[in-house]
Amino acid sequence: MYVAGARLRFHLTPHRAVLRASAAVDVAGERRAALADAKILVDCWPVLGGMAMRSLVTPVLVTTLSAGALFLQAGCGDSGGGDTQASAGPATNITGVPDTSSGGSTGGVSGTTTEDPTGGGNSNSGTGTSGTTPPGTSTDTPVTSTDPGTSTDPATSDPSSTTEPGTTTTGVVPGTTTDVDPGTTTTGVMTSMTSTTTGDASSSSDTGDVPCSVVKATLKPVKPNMMLVLDKSGSMINNPNGYWDHDANPGTPKITRWNSLYNVVETVLTKFNAKLNFGASLFPSVFASGDYNANACKVNAVVEIPVAANNKDTILAGIPGPMDISLKGGTPTAAGMTAALKQLKSLPADVPRAVLLVTDGAANCATGAIPPPLFESYDSLVHTIVADAYNKDKIPTYVVGIDTKNVVSMVKMDGDPDNINTFTKLNELAVQGGKPKNDPVEKFYNATNQLELGTALDAIVADALSCVIPLSEEPAKPELTKVVISGVTIPHVMNCGNENGWVYVNPNGPYDAIELCGTACTNLKMVGKADVNFFCVPN
């Protein structure tokens, strides 16, 4: 071993001793350069003769060359909680890994330091000893120490900067890259999908580190549960009012409103079948009659088609076909909504739920009523049902009207509520349902033909798509999660209500889901996926 050009300098202040050592090292004919900076705060308070005497203990410096590395250690003889470490054998420091030594640990280790594959911090092989290294004791066999009274380099070193007689200590200077012992391995596998790094590089403790996994995955948002609540009353097919100009072309024959609704539902289910879980509830049921009594108000207590994944074919087979002109009954909207909400409430609340209500008239068939009020009076209970679903259960209702006129109805026994403006009532219902249109006059979606009906349902279902992305596992470092959509990094924000970015669904944990906000949510709905990356260290 040969040390050339070693230079030592102390700058002493009342509270701090700063040691700077630089050495050019020549090992086995190969010159290597090493620079070690250490700042050591020493504050010792021995008591002598009943008087407190403040003394500054000069750090002990020993330069030891082992495996081509420069080790530097300084210590204070005070036993009051200071840090002292000594290690024998080749020590290992991994390039780019921050120093993880605890600020409150004291001890000596003999062996090789490696990463603990169980995530428990550093694993020290060999025989461990506790306490400071006493004078005259060597903890490293292949060591070179300076003799008493001898400076490292007579030509350049400060005469006062000599090592304590007979004491040798070794240690790795934080931030110094050293050669890795061939017998030492570090865990950590990087792949295009997942890289696992055991241990916590930013921890200041030698034990209790949490394993950290680098995960890069493309994830899709959760599939919401939506009930279609469809008006199957006789007015949907009655001639002439049940027919309309479906394509805004006077030259083509009119078709029934139910025909148009069936076709639009088929189109929407085809487009969104894989993105939402749909179900359907009819009001009244297919068992309702056309009589002027309660038989016209029948609604199934259990919905016709419960919510399920990929439910398109089941729904289309479970409702009347497009050419069916046998539909009968009143407009028991409240009963239809009750059945639909009962089904939705039985589903997990952490998955978005919503109702899409389509009707061509004002609600009647109030519970307990008898004719003529059964049909000629408006059933206001539907407003309470819709408002409670949104306010109490967080289930919104989208409201769609079929060719709804902004007029007040006449007072006559025609099976429709008297003296009611259906347009106004549907506006109120849309606001109470929590999903009104952004229109100062028309809050519900009013369709005057099949094209507008299709546009309305398409917009509603697209809006109902979720921007919540569940995570398969919680990130070890939640603050380092990165979200990317179409190559654009989405910022982590604090308020999803008025910011564009993403948030954790549970801000204080568990960190098992994120939600995209504002324009980021819009982009997610268009793209249908996002790259969510977990990292263990910044950048």
Protein backbone atom coordinates (compact mmCIF):
# COMPACT_ATOMS: atom_id res chain seq x y z
CA MET A 1 0.00 0.00 0.00
CA TYR A 2 1.28 3.45 -0.81
CA VAL A 3 -0.27 6.79 0.10
CA ALA A 4 1.01 9.73 -1.91
CA GLY A 5 0.36 13.37 -1.42
CA ALA A 6 -1.89 13.05 1.62
CA ARG A 7 -2.91 16.39 3.07
CA LEU A 8 -4.73 16.97 6.37
CA ARG A 9 -6.19 20.19 7.70
CA PHE A 10 -8.29 21.06 10.78
CA HIS A 11 -10.46 24.15 11.17
CA LEU A 12 -11.54 24.41 14.78
CA THR A 13 -14.46 26.51 15.97
CA PRO A 14 -16.11 26.56 19.41
CA HIS A 15 -18.61 23.92 18.34
CA ARG A 16 -17.32 22.19 15.24
CA ALA A 17 -14.23 20.53 13.89
CA VAL A 18 -14.11 20.26 10.15
CA LEU A 19 -11.79 17.73 8.64
CA ARG A 20 -10.93 17.67 5.02
CA ALA A 21 -8.64 15.04 3.68
CA SER A 22 -7.64 14.37 0.17
CA ALA A 23 -5.36 11.65 -0.99
CA ALA A 24 -4.13 10.21 -4.20
CA VAL A 25 -3.83 6.49 -3.80
CA ASP A 26 -1.62 4.14 -5.71
CA VAL A 27 -2.68 0.46 -5.37
CA ALA A 28 -0.89 -2.36 -7.24
CA GLY A 29 0.64 0.06 -9.68
CA GLU A 30 -2.72 1.65 -10.57
CA ARG A 31 -3.37 5.17 -9.45
CA ARG A 32 -6.80 6.07 -8.26
CA ALA A 33 -8.14 9.39 -6.99
CA ALA A 34 -10.42 9.64 -3.97
CA LEU A 35 -11.87 12.56 -2.19
CA ALA A 36 -13.49 12.34 1.22
CA ASP A 37 -15.29 15.14 2.96
CA ALA A 38 -16.44 14.68 6.49
CA LYS A 39 -17.86 17.21 8.86
CA ILE A 40 -17.94 15.99 12.40
CA LEU A 41 -19.65 17.82 15.19
CA VAL A 42 -18.12 16.93 18.53
CA ASP A 43 -19.50 18.24 21.77
CA CYS A 44 -18.07 16.62 24.91
CA TRP A 45 -18.85 17.76 28.43
CA PRO A 46 -16.60 16.01 30.93
CA VAL A 47 -16.95 17.07 34.54
CA LEU A 48 -13.72 17.66 36.40
CA GLY A 49 -13.45 18.70 40.01
CA GLY A 50 -17.10 19.77 40.13
CA MET A 51 -16.61 22.26 37.33
CA ALA A 52 -18.13 21.86 33.85
CA MET A 53 -15.32 22.10 31.42
CA ARG A 54 -16.10 22.25 27.76
CA SER A 55 -13.60 20.43 25.66
CA LEU A 56 -13.39 19.78 21.98
CA VAL A 57 -11.98 16.35 21.26
CA THR A 58 -9.94 16.17 18.13
CA PRO A 59 -11.38 13.54 15.81
CA VAL A 60 -9.34 10.47 15.21
CA LEU A 61 -8.27 10.07 11.64
CA VAL A 62 -6.90 6.93 10.21
CA THR A 63 -6.56 6.31 6.55
CA THR A 64 -6.97 2.68 5.70
CA LEU A 65 -6.68 1.21 2.25
CA SER A 66 -8.67 -1.96 1.55
CA ALA A 67 -9.82 -3.26 -1.88
CA GLY A 68 -8.74 0.00 -3.45
CA ALA A 69 -11.06 2.17 -1.29
CA LEU A 70 -10.36 5.06 1.06
CA PHE A 71 -12.10 4.88 4.43
CA LEU A 72 -12.43 7.78 6.80
CA GLN A 73 -13.84 7.75 10.31
CA ALA A 74 -13.89 10.27 13.10
CA GLY A 75 -15.21 9.79 16.62
CA CYS A 76 -15.62 11.33 20.04
CA GLY A 77 -14.94 9.47 23.26
CA ASP A 78 -18.21 10.67 24.79
CA SER A 79 -20.63 7.86 25.57
CA GLY A 80 -23.64 10.09 25.56
CA GLY A 81 -25.27 8.80 22.38
CA GLY A 82 -22.71 9.76 19.73
CA ASP A 83 -22.15 7.65 16.62
CA THR A 84 -19.21 5.27 16.43
CA GLN A 85 -18.92 2.48 13.90
CA ALA A 86 -16.06 0.18 13.05
CA SER A 87 -16.09 -2.55 10.44
CA ALA A 88 -13.59 -5.17 9.44
CA GLY A 89 -13.30 -6.76 6.04
CA PRO A 90 -14.21 -5.30 2.68
CA ALA A 91 -16.99 -2.77 3.07
CA THR A 92 -19.48 -2.24 0.29
CA ASN A 93 -21.20 0.92 -0.85
CA ILE A 94 -23.54 0.83 -3.84
CA THR A 95 -23.23 3.61 -6.39
CA GLY A 96 -26.05 6.11 -6.16
CA VAL A 97 -27.56 4.67 -2.95
CA PRO A 98 -27.87 7.29 -0.21
CA ASP A 99 -26.25 6.75 3.17
CA THR A 100 -28.61 4.84 5.45
CA SER A 101 -26.70 4.78 8.74
CA SER A 102 -28.78 5.73 11.75
CA GLY A 103 -28.01 8.89 13.63
CA GLY A 104 -28.45 7.15 16.98
CA SER A 105 -26.68 3.81 16.60
CA THR A 106 -23.38 2.77 18.12
CA GLY A 107 -21.60 -0.43 17.35
CA GLY A 108 -18.84 -2.28 15.56
CA VAL A 109 -19.35 -4.86 12.82
CA SER A 110 -17.08 -7.48 11.40
CA GLY A 111 -18.09 -8.78 7.99
CA THR A 112 -19.58 -7.61 4.71
CA THR A 113 -22.55 -5.24 4.45
CA THR A 114 -25.23 -6.20 1.93
CA GLU A 115 -28.81 -5.23 1.19
CA ASP A 116 -31.29 -7.32 3.15
CA PRO A 117 -33.50 -9.10 0.62
CA THR A 118 -36.36 -9.10 3.09
CA GLY A 119 -36.43 -5.33 3.18
CA GLY A 120 -35.11 -5.16 6.74
CA GLY A 121 -32.29 -2.72 6.00
CA ASN A 122 -28.61 -3.62 5.96
CA SER A 123 -27.61 -7.19 6.79
CA ASN A 124 -24.24 -7.52 8.53
CA SER A 125 -22.51 -10.86 8.17
CA GLY A 126 -19.86 -11.99 10.60
CA THR A 127 -19.40 -11.31 14.30
CA GLY A 128 -20.86 -8.09 15.69
CA THR A 129 -19.62 -6.18 18.73
CA SER A 130 -21.25 -3.35 20.56
CA GLY A 131 -19.67 -0.22 21.95
CA THR A 132 -16.89 2.07 20.91
CA THR A 133 -13.52 0.77 19.82
CA PRO A 134 -11.11 1.07 22.75
CA PRO A 135 -7.62 2.47 22.25
CA GLY A 136 -5.10 -0.13 21.27
CA THR A 137 -7.71 -2.37 19.61
CA SER A 138 -7.68 -3.07 15.88
CA THR A 139 -10.92 -4.09 14.16
CA ASP A 140 -9.47 -4.50 10.68
CA THR A 141 -6.69 -6.95 9.97
CA PRO A 142 -5.25 -5.55 6.71
CA VAL A 143 -4.83 -2.05 8.09
CA THR A 144 -2.22 0.62 7.91
CA SER A 145 -2.13 3.11 10.75
CA THR A 146 0.14 5.99 11.47
CA ASP A 147 2.62 5.73 14.30
CA PRO A 148 2.34 7.87 17.39
CA GLY A 149 3.51 11.35 16.72
CA THR A 150 3.89 10.72 13.01
CA SER A 151 1.84 12.73 10.50
CA THR A 152 0.64 11.22 7.26
CA ASP A 153 2.72 13.50 5.08
CA PRO A 154 5.48 15.51 6.81
CA ALA A 155 5.68 17.89 3.91
CA THR A 156 2.07 18.89 3.81
CA SER A 157 0.15 17.90 6.90
CA ASP A 158 -0.57 19.96 9.97
CA PRO A 159 1.62 18.73 12.86
CA SER A 160 -1.38 18.77 15.16
CA SER A 161 -3.36 16.53 12.84
CA THR A 162 -2.01 13.14 13.86
CA THR A 163 -3.94 10.04 14.80
CA GLU A 164 -4.42 8.80 18.32
CA PRO A 165 -1.75 6.26 19.24
CA GLY A 166 -2.65 2.65 18.60
CA THR A 167 -6.24 3.23 17.44
CA THR A 168 -7.50 2.12 14.02
CA THR A 169 -11.05 2.49 12.73
CA THR A 170 -12.55 2.11 9.31
CA GLY A 171 -15.74 3.31 7.68
CA VAL A 172 -17.26 4.28 4.36
CA VAL A 173 -17.48 7.96 3.66
CA PRO A 174 -21.08 8.82 2.75
CA GLY A 175 -21.47 9.52 -0.96
CA THR A 176 -18.23 7.69 -1.88
CA THR A 177 -18.38 5.01 -4.57
CA THR A 178 -16.30 1.96 -3.83
CA ASP A 179 -15.59 -1.30 -5.59
CA VAL A 180 -18.03 -4.09 -4.74
CA ASP A 181 -16.70 -7.26 -3.21
CA PRO A 182 -17.27 -10.08 -5.74
CA GLY A 183 -18.83 -12.13 -2.98
CA THR A 184 -21.41 -9.45 -2.22
CA THR A 185 -24.69 -9.22 -4.14
CA THR A 186 -27.39 -6.55 -4.11
CA THR A 187 -31.01 -7.30 -4.83
CA GLY A 188 -33.02 -5.38 -7.41
CA VAL A 189 -34.34 -6.54 -10.76
CA MET A 190 -35.36 -4.01 -13.39
CA THR A 191 -37.79 -5.04 -16.13
CA SER A 192 -40.03 -3.17 -18.48
CA MET A 193 -42.99 -3.87 -16.19
CA THR A 194 -41.80 -4.23 -12.60
CA SER A 195 -38.54 -3.62 -10.75
CA THR A 196 -38.18 -4.50 -7.09
CA THR A 197 -35.62 -2.82 -4.85
CA THR A 198 -35.61 -4.21 -1.32
CA GLY A 199 -34.86 -1.88 1.52
CA ASP A 200 -35.58 1.80 1.84
CA ALA A 201 -32.76 3.90 0.45
CA SER A 202 -34.07 7.05 2.08
CA SER A 203 -34.52 5.58 5.54
CA SER A 204 -32.31 6.73 8.39
CA SER A 205 -32.71 3.47 10.31
CA ASP A 206 -30.80 0.21 10.06
CA THR A 207 -33.97 -1.82 10.73
CA GLY A 208 -37.65 -1.77 9.81
CA ASP A 209 -37.25 -0.63 6.22
CA VAL A 210 -40.28 -1.13 3.97
CA PRO A 211 -39.67 -2.99 0.71
CA CYS A 212 -40.22 -0.80 -2.32
CA SER A 213 -41.31 -2.01 -5.75
CA VAL A 214 -40.94 -0.04 -8.95
CA VAL A 215 -44.09 -0.81 -10.93
CA LYS A 216 -44.92 0.44 -14.41
CA ALA A 217 -48.36 -0.59 -15.57
CA THR A 218 -51.08 0.50 -17.96
CA LEU A 219 -54.35 0.52 -16.05
CA LYS A 220 -58.01 1.04 -16.95
CA PRO A 221 -60.61 2.85 -14.86
CA VAL A 222 -63.20 0.96 -12.87
CA LYS A 223 -66.41 0.04 -14.74
CA PRO A 224 -69.42 1.95 -13.33
CA ASN A 225 -72.78 0.31 -12.67
CA MET A 226 -75.68 1.95 -14.52
CA MET A 227 -79.39 1.19 -14.49
CA LEU A 228 -81.49 2.12 -17.52
CA VAL A 229 -84.96 3.09 -16.27
CA LEU A 230 -87.13 3.04 -19.38
CA ASP A 231 -90.65 4.37 -19.85
CA LYS A 232 -92.79 1.58 -21.38
CA SER A 233 -96.12 3.34 -21.03
CA GLY A 234 -98.83 3.16 -23.69
CA SER A 235 -98.02 6.71 -24.80
CA MET A 236 -94.74 5.44 -26.27
CA ILE A 237 -96.62 3.63 -29.07
CA ASN A 238 -100.12 5.17 -29.18
CA ASN A 239 -101.16 6.58 -32.52
CA PRO A 240 -100.76 9.39 -33.36
CA ASN A 241 -98.91 10.93 -30.39
CA GLY A 242 -96.72 7.86 -29.87
CA TYR A 243 -95.20 8.29 -33.36
CA TRP A 244 -92.62 10.87 -34.33
CA ASP A 245 -90.29 12.05 -37.06
CA HIS A 246 -87.36 9.96 -35.91
CA ASP A 247 -84.81 11.13 -38.47
CA ALA A 248 -85.78 14.80 -38.94
CA ASN A 249 -86.82 13.95 -42.50
CA PRO A 250 -90.47 14.62 -43.35
CA GLY A 251 -90.17 12.36 -46.36
CA THR A 252 -89.70 9.19 -44.32
CA PRO A 253 -92.46 7.41 -42.39
CA LYS A 254 -92.78 8.11 -38.68
CA ILE A 255 -91.99 5.36 -36.20
CA THR A 256 -92.95 4.80 -32.59
CA ARG A 257 -91.01 6.47 -29.83
CA TRP A 258 -90.36 3.03 -28.34
CA ASN A 259 -88.86 1.90 -31.65
CA SER A 260 -86.43 4.80 -31.49
CA LEU A 261 -85.62 4.21 -27.83
CA TYR A 262 -84.87 0.54 -28.45
CA ASN A 263 -82.58 1.39 -31.38
CA VAL A 264 -80.70 4.03 -29.40
CA VAL A 265 -80.30 1.71 -26.41
CA GLU A 266 -78.90 -0.94 -28.74
CA THR A 267 -76.40 1.53 -30.19
CA VAL A 268 -75.26 2.79 -26.79
CA LEU A 269 -74.91 -0.70 -25.34
CA THR A 270 -72.88 -1.79 -28.36
CA LYS A 271 -70.52 1.15 -27.93
CA PHE A 272 -70.12 1.00 -24.15
CA ASN A 273 -70.76 -2.67 -23.38
CA ALA A 274 -67.16 -3.25 -22.28
CA LYS A 275 -66.83 0.02 -20.35
CA LEU A 276 -69.90 -0.03 -18.10
CA ASN A 277 -72.01 -2.63 -16.36
CA PHE A 278 -75.63 -2.11 -17.39
CA GLY A 279 -79.01 -3.23 -16.10
CA ALA A 280 -82.57 -2.28 -17.03
CA SER A 281 -85.84 -1.54 -15.24
CA LEU A 282 -89.17 -1.00 -17.04
CA PHE A 283 -92.03 1.17 -15.83
CA PRO A 284 -94.64 -0.13 -15.97
CA SER A 285 -93.76 -3.80 -16.31
CA VAL A 286 -94.71 -5.93 -19.29
CA PHE A 287 -97.60 -7.24 -17.15
CA ALA A 288 -99.28 -3.84 -16.92
CA SER A 289 -102.68 -3.47 -18.58
CA GLY A 290 -104.32 -0.64 -20.44
CA ASP A 291 -107.19 -0.45 -17.98
CA TYR A 292 -108.06 2.71 -16.06
CA ASN A 293 -107.11 1.16 -12.72
CA ALA A 294 -104.12 0.06 -10.66
CA ASN A 295 -103.32 -2.76 -13.09
CA ALA A 296 -101.93 -0.10 -15.41
CA CYS A 297 -99.35 0.85 -12.76
CA LYS A 298 -97.67 -2.50 -12.15
CA VAL A 299 -93.90 -2.42 -11.66
CA ASN A 300 -91.66 -5.35 -10.82
CA ALA A 301 -90.20 -5.09 -7.34
CA VAL A 302 -87.10 -6.76 -8.75
CA VAL A 303 -85.72 -5.20 -11.92
CA GLU A 304 -86.11 -7.05 -15.21
CA ILE A 305 -82.36 -7.18 -15.91
CA PRO A 306 -79.94 -6.79 -12.97
CA VAL A 307 -76.66 -4.97 -13.53
CA ALA A 308 -73.94 -7.18 -14.98
CA ALA A 309 -70.84 -6.98 -17.16
CA ASN A 310 -71.22 -7.32 -20.94
CA ASN A 311 -74.99 -7.22 -20.50
CA LYS A 312 -76.01 -5.90 -23.92
CA ASP A 313 -77.61 -9.06 -25.33
CA THR A 314 -79.45 -9.84 -22.08
CA ILE A 315 -80.95 -6.36 -21.91
CA LEU A 316 -82.05 -6.29 -25.55
CA ALA A 317 -83.70 -9.70 -25.11
CA GLY A 318 -85.37 -8.68 -21.85
CA ILE A 319 -87.22 -5.58 -23.06
CA PRO A 320 -89.95 -5.32 -25.72
CA GLY A 321 -88.65 -5.39 -29.27
CA PRO A 322 -88.48 -2.30 -31.49
CA MET A 323 -91.59 -3.19 -33.48
CA ASP A 324 -93.73 -4.03 -30.46
CA ILE A 325 -96.91 -1.94 -30.43
CA SER A 326 -98.61 -3.74 -27.57
CA LEU A 327 -97.14 -1.56 -24.81
CA LYS A 328 -99.70 -0.49 -22.19
CA GLY A 329 -99.96 1.27 -18.86
CA GLY A 330 -99.48 4.55 -17.04
CA THR A 331 -96.26 6.34 -15.98
CA PRO A 332 -95.26 4.95 -12.53
CA THR A 333 -91.87 6.70 -12.53
CA ALA A 334 -91.46 6.62 -8.74
CA ALA A 335 -91.96 2.85 -8.58
CA GLY A 336 -89.55 2.30 -11.49
CA MET A 337 -86.88 4.42 -9.81
CA THR A 338 -87.40 2.63 -6.48
CA ALA A 339 -86.78 -0.78 -8.04
CA ALA A 340 -83.71 0.45 -9.93
CA LEU A 341 -82.17 2.10 -6.86
CA LYS A 342 -82.80 -0.96 -4.74
CA GLN A 343 -80.71 -2.96 -7.19
CA LEU A 344 -77.92 -0.36 -7.35
CA LYS A 345 -77.74 -0.03 -3.58
CA SER A 346 -77.09 -3.75 -3.33
CA LEU A 347 -73.85 -3.23 -5.30
CA PRO A 348 -70.51 -2.06 -3.84
CA ALA A 349 -70.64 1.62 -2.94
CA ASP A 350 -66.98 2.15 -3.89
CA VAL A 351 -67.86 1.51 -7.55
CA PRO A 352 -69.63 4.46 -9.26
CA ARG A 353 -73.38 3.95 -9.66
CA ALA A 354 -75.86 5.92 -11.75
CA VAL A 355 -79.40 5.93 -13.17
CA LEU A 356 -80.37 6.89 -16.71
CA LEU A 357 -84.08 7.75 -16.70
CA VAL A 358 -85.91 8.06 -20.02
CA THR A 359 -89.58 9.14 -20.08
CA ASP A 360 -92.11 10.79 -22.36
CA GLY A 361 -94.50 12.14 -19.72
CA ALA A 362 -95.23 13.34 -16.21
CA ALA A 363 -95.19 10.84 -13.36
CA ASN A 364 -98.50 9.42 -12.09
CA CYS A 365 -99.65 6.14 -10.47
CA ALA A 366 -99.01 7.45 -6.94
CA THR A 367 -98.97 4.73 -4.28
CA GLY A 368 -102.33 4.42 -2.54
CA ALA A 369 -104.18 6.62 -5.02
CA ILE A 370 -107.32 5.50 -6.83
CA PRO A 371 -108.71 6.65 -10.17
CA PRO A 372 -109.09 9.28 -11.33
CA PRO A 373 -106.31 10.87 -9.15
CA LEU A 374 -104.24 7.75 -9.79
CA PHE A 375 -103.66 9.02 -13.34
CA GLU A 376 -104.77 12.65 -13.31
CA SER A 377 -102.55 13.78 -10.41
CA TYR A 378 -98.80 14.26 -10.51
CA ASP A 379 -96.74 11.94 -8.27
CA SER A 380 -94.23 14.27 -6.60
CA LEU A 381 -92.69 11.42 -4.61
CA VAL A 382 -90.30 10.81 -7.50
CA HIS A 383 -88.47 14.06 -6.63
CA THR A 384 -87.78 12.88 -3.08
CA ILE A 385 -86.57 9.50 -4.33
CA VAL A 386 -84.17 11.02 -6.85
CA ALA A 387 -82.84 13.68 -4.45
CA ASP A 388 -82.24 11.16 -1.65
CA ALA A 389 -80.41 8.81 -3.97
CA TYR A 390 -77.99 11.57 -4.90
CA ASN A 391 -77.58 13.25 -1.51
CA LYS A 392 -77.56 10.16 0.70
CA ASP A 393 -76.27 7.37 -1.52
CA LYS A 394 -74.22 9.34 -4.06
CA ILE A 395 -76.20 7.82 -6.93
CA PRO A 396 -76.89 10.47 -9.59
CA THR A 397 -79.80 10.38 -12.03
CA TYR A 398 -79.54 11.55 -15.62
CA VAL A 399 -82.94 12.64 -16.96
CA VAL A 400 -83.98 12.34 -20.61
CA GLY A 401 -87.30 13.56 -21.97
CA ILE A 402 -88.79 12.36 -25.24
CA ASP A 403 -90.33 15.26 -27.18
CA THR A 404 -91.33 17.10 -23.99
CA LYS A 405 -93.27 20.32 -24.60
CA ASN A 406 -92.80 23.38 -22.38
CA VAL A 407 -96.52 23.85 -21.75
CA VAL A 408 -99.00 23.37 -18.91
CA SER A 409 -101.27 20.39 -19.33
CA MET A 410 -105.05 20.72 -19.60
CA VAL A 411 -107.47 19.54 -16.94
CA LYS A 412 -109.24 16.54 -18.38
CA MET A 413 -109.49 12.78 -17.85
CA ASP A 414 -106.93 11.70 -20.40
CA GLY A 415 -104.64 9.62 -18.19
CA ASP A 416 -102.07 12.41 -17.86
CA PRO A 417 -101.57 14.62 -14.77
CA ASP A 418 -103.59 17.83 -14.93
CA ASN A 419 -102.28 21.38 -14.76
CA ILE A 420 -98.65 20.25 -14.84
CA ASN A 421 -95.73 21.52 -16.94
CA THR A 422 -93.79 18.31 -17.61
CA PHE A 423 -90.86 20.31 -18.99
CA THR A 424 -90.50 22.18 -15.69
CA LYS A 425 -90.85 19.01 -13.62
CA LEU A 426 -88.13 17.21 -15.59
CA ASN A 427 -85.87 20.26 -15.19
CA GLU A 428 -86.33 20.06 -11.42
CA LEU A 429 -85.73 16.32 -11.44
CA ALA A 430 -82.47 16.71 -13.38
CA VAL A 431 -81.13 19.23 -10.86
CA GLN A 432 -82.15 17.06 -7.92
CA GLY A 433 -80.47 14.08 -9.56
CA GLY A 434 -77.13 15.89 -9.56
CA LYS A 435 -76.49 15.65 -13.30
CA PRO A 436 -78.22 18.59 -15.00
CA LYS A 437 -77.21 19.84 -18.43
CA ASN A 438 -75.09 22.96 -18.57
CA ASP A 439 -77.96 24.94 -20.06
CA PRO A 440 -79.73 27.89 -18.43
CA VAL A 441 -83.14 26.82 -19.75
CA GLU A 442 -83.07 23.09 -20.36
CA LYS A 443 -81.53 21.12 -17.48
CA PHE A 444 -82.67 17.70 -18.67
CA TYR A 445 -81.83 16.15 -22.03
CA ASN A 446 -84.86 16.78 -24.28
CA ALA A 447 -84.88 14.85 -27.56
CA THR A 448 -87.30 15.75 -30.35
CA ASN A 449 -86.20 12.90 -32.64
CA GLN A 450 -84.16 9.71 -32.63
CA LEU A 451 -80.96 11.50 -33.64
CA GLU A 452 -81.15 13.81 -30.64
CA LEU A 453 -82.08 10.90 -28.41
CA GLY A 454 -79.01 9.02 -29.57
CA THR A 455 -76.78 12.05 -28.99
CA ALA A 456 -78.21 12.52 -25.50
CA LEU A 457 -77.74 8.91 -24.37
CA ASP A 458 -74.25 8.77 -25.86
CA ALA A 459 -73.22 11.93 -23.98
CA ILE A 460 -74.75 10.70 -20.73
CA VAL A 461 -73.10 7.30 -20.78
CA ALA A 462 -69.76 8.87 -21.73
CA ASP A 463 -70.11 11.26 -18.79
CA ALA A 464 -70.90 8.37 -16.47
CA LEU A 465 -67.62 6.66 -17.31
CA SER A 466 -65.44 6.54 -14.26
CA CYS A 467 -62.21 8.43 -13.77
CA VAL A 468 -61.28 6.27 -10.78
CA ILE A 469 -58.42 3.84 -11.40
CA PRO A 470 -57.99 1.08 -8.81
CA LEU A 471 -54.41 0.11 -7.99
CA SER A 472 -53.49 -3.55 -7.73
CA GLU A 473 -51.15 -2.71 -4.86
CA GLU A 474 -50.37 0.32 -2.74
CA PRO A 475 -47.19 2.19 -3.68
CA ALA A 476 -44.43 2.06 -1.07
CA LYS A 477 -43.73 5.72 -1.81
CA PRO A 478 -47.14 7.32 -2.54
CA GLU A 479 -45.59 10.73 -3.10
CA LEU A 480 -43.49 9.39 -6.00
CA THR A 481 -46.35 7.97 -8.10
CA LYS A 482 -46.45 9.23 -11.69
CA VAL A 483 -49.52 9.19 -13.96
CA VAL A 484 -49.20 9.50 -17.72
CA ILE A 485 -51.93 9.63 -20.40
CA SER A 486 -50.91 9.43 -24.06
CA GLY A 487 -47.35 10.40 -23.18
CA VAL A 488 -48.38 13.46 -21.15
CA THR A 489 -47.53 13.50 -17.44
CA ILE A 490 -50.56 14.38 -15.31
CA PRO A 491 -49.82 16.53 -12.24
CA HIS A 492 -50.72 15.45 -8.73
CA VAL A 493 -53.21 18.04 -7.39
CA MET A 494 -54.93 18.67 -4.09
CA ASN A 495 -58.54 19.40 -5.12
CA CYS A 496 -60.28 17.29 -7.73
CA GLY A 497 -63.25 19.66 -7.75
CA ASN A 498 -61.48 22.57 -9.41
CA GLU A 499 -58.07 21.38 -10.62
CA ASN A 500 -56.81 19.42 -13.61
CA GLY A 501 -54.70 16.46 -12.52
CA TRP A 502 -55.05 13.43 -10.27
CA VAL A 503 -55.58 12.70 -6.60
CA TYR A 504 -55.63 9.67 -4.35
CA VAL A 505 -59.23 8.63 -3.67
CA ASN A 506 -58.22 8.34 -0.02
CA PRO A 507 -55.81 11.25 0.62
CA ASN A 508 -54.64 9.77 3.93
CA GLY A 509 -54.56 6.16 2.76
CA PRO A 510 -55.01 3.43 1.96
CA TYR A 511 -53.52 4.49 -1.38
CA ASP A 512 -55.37 1.87 -3.38
CA ALA A 513 -57.02 4.05 -6.03
CA ILE A 514 -56.49 7.33 -7.88
CA GLU A 515 -58.97 9.66 -9.55
CA LEU A 516 -58.36 11.82 -12.60
CA CYS A 517 -59.80 15.35 -12.44
CA GLY A 518 -60.93 17.99 -14.91
CA THR A 519 -59.38 17.76 -18.36
CA ALA A 520 -57.34 14.76 -17.23
CA CYS A 521 -60.60 12.92 -16.56
CA THR A 522 -61.91 13.90 -19.98
CA ASN A 523 -58.74 12.60 -21.63
CA LEU A 524 -58.95 9.34 -19.68
CA LYS A 525 -62.51 8.78 -20.87
CA MET A 526 -61.43 9.27 -24.46
CA VAL A 527 -58.31 7.10 -24.26
CA GLY A 528 -59.66 4.55 -21.78
CA LYS A 529 -56.37 3.88 -20.00
CA ALA A 530 -53.45 5.49 -18.19
CA ASP A 531 -49.87 4.59 -17.34
CA VAL A 532 -49.43 4.53 -13.58
CA ASN A 533 -45.84 4.21 -12.39
CA PHE A 534 -44.62 3.62 -8.83
CA PHE A 535 -41.08 4.75 -8.03
CA CYS A 536 -38.84 4.32 -5.00
CA VAL A 537 -36.61 7.37 -5.37
CA PRO A 538 -37.28 10.80 -6.89
CA ASN A 539 -36.79 11.27 -10.63
